[in-house]
Amino acid sequence: MYLLQYYVIDWDKVKTQEDLITILKNLQLGFENPSEDLKKLCKFVNKSDGQEVTFD
């Protein structure tokens, strides 16, 4: 089914840091090859189930 409407961020309504945090938490972006700066802010997870991968 093709949707005719969708939600976009109304940047005029974004006023606080909490608003930005809410947006970023809901984006659920995945990065194949992040920069070192971005890697510090990420965790390594399985694509199939979203579980974090730890290197022991």
PDB file of N, CA and C in Angstrom:
ATOM      1  N   MET A   1       0.845  -1.176   0.000  1.00  0.00           N
ATOM      2  CA  MET A   1       0.000   0.000   0.000  1.00  0.00           C
ATOM      3  C   MET A   1       0.890   1.237   0.000  1.00  0.00           C
ATOM      4  N   TYR A   2       0.552   2.200  -0.797  1.00  0.00           N
ATOM      5  CA  TYR A   2       1.312   3.437  -0.890  1.00  0.00           C
ATOM      6  C   TYR A   2       0.627   4.511  -0.059  1.00  0.00           C
ATOM      7  N   LEU A   3       1.365   5.080   0.886  1.00  0.00           N
ATOM      8  CA  LEU A   3       0.797   6.122   1.737  1.00  0.00           C
ATOM      9  C   LEU A   3       0.940   7.480   1.068  1.00  0.00           C
ATOM     10  N   LEU A   4      -0.098   8.278   1.161  1.00  0.00           N
ATOM     11  CA  LEU A   4      -0.084   9.594   0.542  1.00  0.00           C
ATOM     12  C   LEU A   4       0.409  10.682   1.490  1.00  0.00           C
ATOM     13  N   GLN A   5       0.400  10.414   2.782  1.00  0.00           N
ATOM     14  CA  GLN A   5       0.874  11.377   3.760  1.00  0.00           C
ATOM     15  C   GLN A   5       1.936  10.733   4.636  1.00  0.00           C
ATOM     16  N   TYR A   6       2.786  11.547   5.202  1.00  0.00           N
ATOM     17  CA  TYR A   6       3.773  11.059   6.161  1.00  0.00           C
ATOM     18  C   TYR A   6       4.196  12.216   7.041  1.00  0.00           C
ATOM     19  N   TYR A   7       4.845  11.887   8.145  1.00  0.00           N
ATOM     20  CA  TYR A   7       5.279  12.890   9.104  1.00  0.00           C
ATOM     21  C   TYR A   7       6.673  13.399   8.764  1.00  0.00           C
ATOM     22  N   VAL A   8       6.870  14.694   8.908  1.00  0.00           N
ATOM     23  CA  VAL A   8       8.183  15.312   8.809  1.00  0.00           C
ATOM     24  C   VAL A   8       8.370  16.182  10.055  1.00  0.00           C
ATOM     25  N   ILE A   9       9.589  16.441  10.401  1.00  0.00           N
ATOM     26  CA  ILE A   9       9.874  17.247  11.592  1.00  0.00           C
ATOM     27  C   ILE A   9       9.588  18.713  11.288  1.00  0.00           C
ATOM     28  N   ASP A  10       8.814  19.327  12.153  1.00  0.00           N
ATOM     29  CA  ASP A  10       8.559  20.769  12.066  1.00  0.00           C
ATOM     30  C   ASP A  10       9.601  21.443  12.948  1.00  0.00           C
ATOM     31  N   TRP A  11      10.669  21.914  12.332  1.00  0.00           N
ATOM     32  CA  TRP A  11      11.802  22.452  13.092  1.00  0.00           C
ATOM     33  C   TRP A  11      11.441  23.700  13.878  1.00  0.00           C
ATOM     34  N   ASP A  12      10.337  24.355  13.558  1.00  0.00           N
ATOM     35  CA  ASP A  12       9.889  25.505  14.340  1.00  0.00           C
ATOM     36  C   ASP A  12       9.374  25.084  15.713  1.00  0.00           C
ATOM     37  N   LYS A  13       8.962  23.833  15.837  1.00  0.00           N
ATOM     38  CA  LYS A  13       8.463  23.322  17.119  1.00  0.00           C
ATOM     39  C   LYS A  13       9.573  22.751  17.996  1.00  0.00           C
ATOM     40  N   VAL A  14      10.749  22.536  17.447  1.00  0.00           N
ATOM     41  CA  VAL A  14      11.867  21.971  18.195  1.00  0.00           C
ATOM     42  C   VAL A  14      12.545  23.107  18.953  1.00  0.00           C
ATOM     43  N   LYS A  15      12.422  23.087  20.269  1.00  0.00           N
ATOM     44  CA  LYS A  15      12.925  24.195  21.078  1.00  0.00           C
ATOM     45  C   LYS A  15      13.987  23.795  22.100  1.00  0.00           C
ATOM     46  N   THR A  16      13.954  22.558  22.565  1.00  0.00           N
ATOM     47  CA  THR A  16      14.835  22.173  23.675  1.00  0.00           C
ATOM     48  C   THR A  16      15.733  21.001  23.276  1.00  0.00           C
ATOM     49  N   GLN A  17      16.706  20.751  24.129  1.00  0.00           N
ATOM     50  CA  GLN A  17      17.603  19.613  23.929  1.00  0.00           C
ATOM     51  C   GLN A  17      16.826  18.308  24.029  1.00  0.00           C
ATOM     52  N   GLU A  18      15.819  18.266  24.878  1.00  0.00           N
ATOM     53  CA  GLU A  18      15.005  17.062  25.012  1.00  0.00           C
ATOM     54  C   GLU A  18      14.260  16.761  23.711  1.00  0.00           C
ATOM     55  N   ASP A  19      13.838  17.794  22.999  1.00  0.00           N
ATOM     56  CA  ASP A  19      13.192  17.592  21.701  1.00  0.00           C
ATOM     57  C   ASP A  19      14.157  16.919  20.728  1.00  0.00           C
ATOM     58  N   LEU A  20      15.402  17.388  20.700  1.00  0.00           N
ATOM     59  CA  LEU A  20      16.411  16.795  19.816  1.00  0.00           C
ATOM     60  C   LEU A  20      16.713  15.358  20.207  1.00  0.00           C
ATOM     61  N   ILE A  21      16.790  15.091  21.503  1.00  0.00           N
ATOM     62  CA  ILE A  21      17.056  13.736  21.980  1.00  0.00           C
ATOM     63  C   ILE A  21      15.924  12.802  21.554  1.00  0.00           C
ATOM     64  N   THR A  22      14.694  13.260  21.659  1.00  0.00           N
ATOM     65  CA  THR A  22      13.546  12.458  21.236  1.00  0.00           C
ATOM     66  C   THR A  22      13.630  12.131  19.751  1.00  0.00           C
ATOM     67  N   ILE A  23      13.981  13.110  18.954  1.00  0.00           N
ATOM     68  CA  ILE A  23      14.108  12.891  17.506  1.00  0.00           C
ATOM     69  C   ILE A  23      15.201  11.874  17.228  1.00  0.00           C
ATOM     70  N   LEU A  24      16.367  12.058  17.823  1.00  0.00           N
ATOM     71  CA  LEU A  24      17.493  11.171  17.556  1.00  0.00           C
ATOM     72  C   LEU A  24      17.239   9.747  18.030  1.00  0.00           C
ATOM     73  N   LYS A  25      16.587   9.576  19.171  1.00  0.00           N
ATOM     74  CA  LYS A  25      16.296   8.232  19.670  1.00  0.00           C
ATOM     75  C   LYS A  25      15.355   7.484  18.738  1.00  0.00           C
ATOM     76  N   ASN A  26      14.483   8.208  18.079  1.00  0.00           N
ATOM     77  CA  ASN A  26      13.500   7.565  17.215  1.00  0.00           C
ATOM     78  C   ASN A  26      13.986   7.361  15.794  1.00  0.00           C
ATOM     79  N   LEU A  27      15.128   7.916  15.436  1.00  0.00           N
ATOM     80  CA  LEU A  27      15.649   7.732  14.089  1.00  0.00           C
ATOM     81  C   LEU A  27      16.165   6.316  13.867  1.00  0.00           C
ATOM     82  N   GLN A  28      16.798   5.724  14.873  1.00  0.00           N
ATOM     83  CA  GLN A  28      17.335   4.363  14.790  1.00  0.00           C
ATOM     84  C   GLN A  28      18.210   4.188  13.558  1.00  0.00           C
ATOM     85  N   LEU A  29      19.141   5.109  13.372  1.00  0.00           N
ATOM     86  CA  LEU A  29      20.032   5.040  12.223  1.00  0.00           C
ATOM     87  C   LEU A  29      21.057   3.937  12.407  1.00  0.00           C
ATOM     88  N   GLY A  30      21.460   3.332  11.317  1.00  0.00           N
ATOM     89  CA  GLY A  30      22.520   2.336  11.341  1.00  0.00           C
ATOM     90  C   GLY A  30      23.670   2.810  10.475  1.00  0.00           C
ATOM     91  N   PHE A  31      24.891   2.598  10.917  1.00  0.00           N
ATOM     92  CA  PHE A  31      26.056   3.064  10.192  1.00  0.00           C
ATOM     93  C   PHE A  31      26.965   1.885   9.875  1.00  0.00           C
ATOM     94  N   GLU A  32      27.300   1.723   8.620  1.00  0.00           N
ATOM     95  CA  GLU A  32      28.188   0.644   8.190  1.00  0.00           C
ATOM     96  C   GLU A  32      29.643   0.956   8.531  1.00  0.00           C
ATOM     97  N   ASN A  33      30.044   2.210   8.346  1.00  0.00           N
ATOM     98  CA  ASN A  33      31.445   2.587   8.537  1.00  0.00           C
ATOM     99  C   ASN A  33      31.505   3.979   9.167  1.00  0.00           C
ATOM    100  N   PRO A  34      31.207   4.096  10.487  1.00  0.00           N
ATOM    101  CA  PRO A  34      31.179   5.417  11.112  1.00  0.00           C
ATOM    102  C   PRO A  34      32.577   5.997  11.304  1.00  0.00           C
ATOM    103  N   SER A  35      32.654   7.320  11.388  1.00  0.00           N
ATOM    104  CA  SER A  35      33.915   7.972  11.714  1.00  0.00           C
ATOM    105  C   SER A  35      34.260   7.666  13.170  1.00  0.00           C
ATOM    106  N   GLU A  36      35.486   7.952  13.548  1.00  0.00           N
ATOM    107  CA  GLU A  36      35.905   7.686  14.930  1.00  0.00           C
ATOM    108  C   GLU A  36      35.082   8.498  15.927  1.00  0.00           C
ATOM    109  N   ASP A  37      34.764   9.749  15.586  1.00  0.00           N
ATOM    110  CA  ASP A  37      33.955  10.580  16.477  1.00  0.00           C
ATOM    111  C   ASP A  37      32.555  10.011  16.645  1.00  0.00           C
ATOM    112  N   LEU A  38      31.978   9.533  15.548  1.00  0.00           N
ATOM    113  CA  LEU A  38      30.644   8.950  15.618  1.00  0.00           C
ATOM    114  C   LEU A  38      30.682   7.589  16.310  1.00  0.00           C
ATOM    115  N   LYS A  39      31.752   6.844  16.110  1.00  0.00           N
ATOM    116  CA  LYS A  39      31.874   5.524  16.714  1.00  0.00           C
ATOM    117  C   LYS A  39      31.850   5.601  18.241  1.00  0.00           C
ATOM    118  N   LYS A  40      32.374   6.701  18.810  1.00  0.00           N
ATOM    119  CA  LYS A  40      32.354   6.896  20.263  1.00  0.00           C
ATOM    120  C   LYS A  40      30.932   6.999  20.794  1.00  0.00           C
ATOM    121  N   LEU A  41      30.003   7.387  19.943  1.00  0.00           N
ATOM    122  CA  LEU A  41      28.613   7.589  20.357  1.00  0.00           C
ATOM    123  C   LEU A  41      27.707   6.424  19.991  1.00  0.00           C
ATOM    124  N   CYS A  42      28.284   5.371  19.400  1.00  0.00           N
ATOM    125  CA  CYS A  42      27.486   4.251  18.909  1.00  0.00           C
ATOM    126  C   CYS A  42      27.775   2.977  19.698  1.00  0.00           C
ATOM    127  N   LYS A  43      26.923   1.985  19.504  1.00  0.00           N
ATOM    128  CA  LYS A  43      27.194   0.640  19.982  1.00  0.00           C
ATOM    129  C   LYS A  43      27.094  -0.293  18.788  1.00  0.00           C
ATOM    130  N   PHE A  44      27.771  -1.418  18.849  1.00  0.00           N
ATOM    131  CA  PHE A  44      27.831  -2.380  17.750  1.00  0.00           C
ATOM    132  C   PHE A  44      26.768  -3.433  17.989  1.00  0.00           C
ATOM    133  N   VAL A  45      25.813  -3.584  17.063  1.00  0.00           N
ATOM    134  CA  VAL A  45      24.696  -4.505  17.263  1.00  0.00           C
ATOM    135  C   VAL A  45      24.534  -5.410  16.049  1.00  0.00           C
ATOM    136  N   ASN A  46      23.878  -6.564  16.270  1.00  0.00           N
ATOM    137  CA  ASN A  46      23.509  -7.474  15.191  1.00  0.00           C
ATOM    138  C   ASN A  46      22.361  -6.868  14.403  1.00  0.00           C
ATOM    139  N   LYS A  47      22.419  -6.945  13.090  1.00  0.00           N
ATOM    140  CA  LYS A  47      21.326  -6.444  12.264  1.00  0.00           C
ATOM    141  C   LYS A  47      20.063  -7.279  12.438  1.00  0.00           C
ATOM    142  N   SER A  48      20.220  -8.567  12.684  1.00  0.00           N
ATOM    143  CA  SER A  48      19.065  -9.462  12.732  1.00  0.00           C
ATOM    144  C   SER A  48      18.182  -9.250  13.958  1.00  0.00           C
ATOM    145  N   ASP A  49      18.811  -9.067  15.132  1.00  0.00           N
ATOM    146  CA  ASP A  49      17.994  -8.986  16.345  1.00  0.00           C
ATOM    147  C   ASP A  49      18.235  -7.727  17.173  1.00  0.00           C
ATOM    148  N   GLY A  50      19.173  -6.882  16.786  1.00  0.00           N
ATOM    149  CA  GLY A  50      19.415  -5.639  17.509  1.00  0.00           C
ATOM    150  C   GLY A  50      20.183  -5.790  18.800  1.00  0.00           C
ATOM    151  N   GLN A  51      20.642  -7.009  19.100  1.00  0.00           N
ATOM    152  CA  GLN A  51      21.403  -7.244  20.328  1.00  0.00           C
ATOM    153  C   GLN A  51      22.823  -6.703  20.194  1.00  0.00           C
ATOM    154  N   GLU A  52      23.315  -6.103  21.267  1.00  0.00           N
ATOM    155  CA  GLU A  52      24.654  -5.533  21.258  1.00  0.00           C
ATOM    156  C   GLU A  52      25.716  -6.625  21.191  1.00  0.00           C
ATOM    157  N   VAL A  53      26.748  -6.390  20.385  1.00  0.00           N
ATOM    158  CA  VAL A  53      27.860  -7.320  20.244  1.00  0.00           C
ATOM    159  C   VAL A  53      28.980  -6.826  21.144  1.00  0.00           C
ATOM    160  N   THR A  54      29.472  -7.704  22.010  1.00  0.00           N
ATOM    161  CA  THR A  54      30.585  -7.340  22.886  1.00  0.00           C
ATOM    162  C   THR A  54      31.810  -8.172  22.503  1.00  0.00           C
ATOM    163  N   PHE A  55      32.946  -7.558  22.616  1.00  0.00           N
ATOM    164  CA  PHE A  55      34.211  -8.209  22.308  1.00  0.00           C
ATOM    165  C   PHE A  55      34.926  -8.484  23.614  1.00  0.00           C
ATOM    166  N   ASP A  56      34.868  -9.735  24.066  1.00  0.00           N
ATOM    167  CA  ASP A  56      35.492 -10.100  25.341  1.00  0.00           C
ATOM    168  C   ASP A  56      36.888 -10.648  25.130  1.00  0.00           C
TER     169      ASP A  56
END
